[in-house]
Amino acid sequence: QVQLVESGGGLVQPGGSLRLSCAASGIAFSCNTMYWYRQAPGKEREWVATITSVRYINYANSVKGRFTISRDNAKNTVYLQMNSLKPEDTAVYYCNCQGAYWGQGTQVTVSP
């Protein structure tokens, strides 16, 4: 079993930045591939970014060039640095391990 805990969300103005963290515990070594997803009110959950244990990285077009995913394997933690935030980035952000385990989510609100 893997437990994931996200943190770092909050309220930020358009153009601002936030850094999300996702700490994994349990059988954390099994999280070779980690994902960030987000779900805006009234919308389906959507994929945001992927990072593998060998640091293959991919982003959704909507965040490419503004968001950066990274990981610290020693700390079993994955990060999402979000810059140039827009109101449409407002959502609950979730991390995911291997497509199987989900965190509880952290709210990101981008508003003047």
Protein backbone atom coordinates (compact mmCIF):
# COMPACT_ATOMS: atom_id res chain seq x y z
CA GLN A 1 0.00 0.00 0.00
CA VAL A 2 1.17 3.52 -0.81
CA GLN A 3 0.05 6.69 0.90
CA LEU A 4 0.35 10.02 -0.89
CA VAL A 5 0.00 13.41 0.79
CA GLU A 6 -0.11 16.59 -1.29
CA SER A 7 0.65 20.03 0.07
CA GLY A 8 1.48 23.52 -1.12
CA GLY A 9 -1.82 24.64 -2.57
CA GLY A 10 -3.40 27.99 -1.86
CA LEU A 11 -4.72 31.24 -3.26
CA VAL A 12 -2.51 33.12 -5.70
CA GLN A 13 -2.99 36.01 -8.09
CA PRO A 14 -2.77 35.51 -11.86
CA GLY A 15 0.86 35.45 -12.92
CA GLY A 16 1.95 34.11 -9.56
CA SER A 17 3.66 30.86 -8.61
CA LEU A 18 3.09 27.91 -6.32
CA ARG A 19 5.06 24.77 -5.61
CA LEU A 20 3.13 21.62 -4.84
CA SER A 21 4.66 18.65 -3.05
CA CYS A 22 3.54 15.04 -2.89
CA ALA A 23 5.14 12.88 -0.22
CA ALA A 24 4.88 9.12 -0.67
CA SER A 25 5.09 6.56 2.11
CA GLY A 26 4.42 2.87 2.44
CA ILE A 27 5.73 0.84 -0.46
CA ALA A 28 7.01 4.07 -1.93
CA PHE A 29 9.81 2.43 -3.92
CA SER A 30 7.14 1.07 -6.23
CA CYS A 31 6.30 4.59 -7.45
CA ASN A 32 8.47 4.43 -10.54
CA THR A 33 6.05 6.62 -12.44
CA MET A 34 4.38 9.56 -10.75
CA TYR A 35 1.69 11.80 -12.15
CA TRP A 36 0.00 15.06 -11.34
CA TYR A 37 -3.66 15.46 -12.24
CA ARG A 38 -6.14 18.23 -11.59
CA GLN A 39 -9.91 18.55 -11.40
CA ALA A 40 -11.69 21.85 -11.80
CA PRO A 41 -15.26 22.35 -10.52
CA GLY A 42 -17.75 20.67 -12.82
CA LYS A 43 -15.04 19.11 -14.97
CA GLU A 44 -13.44 15.72 -15.26
CA ARG A 45 -10.06 15.03 -13.75
CA GLU A 46 -7.31 15.75 -16.28
CA TRP A 47 -3.70 14.72 -16.54
CA VAL A 48 -1.12 17.46 -16.00
CA ALA A 49 2.37 15.93 -15.92
CA THR A 50 4.35 12.70 -15.67
CA ILE A 51 7.79 11.84 -14.33
CA THR A 52 9.40 8.40 -14.27
CA SER A 53 12.20 7.02 -12.13
CA VAL A 54 14.63 7.72 -14.98
CA ARG A 55 13.18 11.23 -15.24
CA TYR A 56 11.29 10.86 -18.46
CA ILE A 57 8.99 13.90 -18.29
CA ASN A 58 5.90 14.92 -20.17
CA TYR A 59 3.34 17.71 -19.81
CA ALA A 60 -0.13 18.51 -20.94
CA ASN A 61 -0.11 21.20 -23.63
CA SER A 62 -2.08 23.53 -21.36
CA VAL A 63 0.78 23.72 -18.83
CA LYS A 64 3.84 23.18 -21.00
CA GLY A 65 6.39 25.93 -20.49
CA ARG A 66 4.79 27.07 -17.23
CA PHE A 67 4.86 23.99 -14.98
CA THR A 68 7.86 21.87 -14.01
CA ILE A 69 7.62 18.41 -12.49
CA SER A 70 10.54 17.00 -10.51
CA ARG A 71 11.24 14.32 -7.92
CA ASP A 72 13.56 13.64 -5.03
CA ASN A 73 13.82 9.86 -4.75
CA ALA A 74 15.70 10.07 -1.45
CA LYS A 75 12.71 11.87 0.05
CA ASN A 76 10.08 9.90 -1.90
CA THR A 77 8.64 13.22 -2.96
CA VAL A 78 7.47 14.63 -6.26
CA TYR A 79 7.03 18.33 -6.90
CA LEU A 80 5.09 20.53 -9.29
CA GLN A 81 6.45 24.03 -9.73
CA MET A 82 3.71 26.16 -11.24
CA ASN A 83 4.60 29.55 -12.70
CA SER A 84 2.63 32.14 -14.66
CA LEU A 85 -0.56 30.81 -13.14
CA LYS A 86 -3.86 31.57 -14.83
CA PRO A 87 -7.42 31.52 -13.49
CA GLU A 88 -8.07 28.42 -15.58
CA ASP A 89 -5.43 26.59 -13.52
CA THR A 90 -7.82 26.71 -10.57
CA ALA A 91 -8.48 23.13 -9.52
CA VAL A 92 -7.82 20.48 -6.94
CA TYR A 93 -4.43 18.97 -7.76
CA TYR A 94 -3.79 15.30 -7.12
CA CYS A 95 -0.67 13.19 -7.33
CA ASN A 96 -0.81 9.60 -8.45
CA CYS A 97 1.56 6.66 -8.13
CA GLN A 98 1.74 4.15 -10.93
CA GLY A 99 -1.82 4.91 -11.96
CA ALA A 100 -3.03 3.09 -8.86
CA TYR A 101 -2.75 5.28 -5.77
CA TRP A 102 -4.14 8.77 -5.25
CA GLY A 103 -3.53 11.47 -2.72
CA GLN A 104 -6.32 13.49 -1.13
CA GLY A 105 -5.64 16.54 -3.28
CA THR A 106 -4.66 20.14 -2.61
CA GLN A 107 -6.69 23.15 -3.71
CA VAL A 108 -5.12 25.72 -6.03
CA THR A 109 -7.10 28.91 -6.62
CA VAL A 110 -5.88 31.56 -9.05
CA SER A 111 -7.85 34.76 -8.63
CA PRO A 112 -7.21 38.52 -8.49
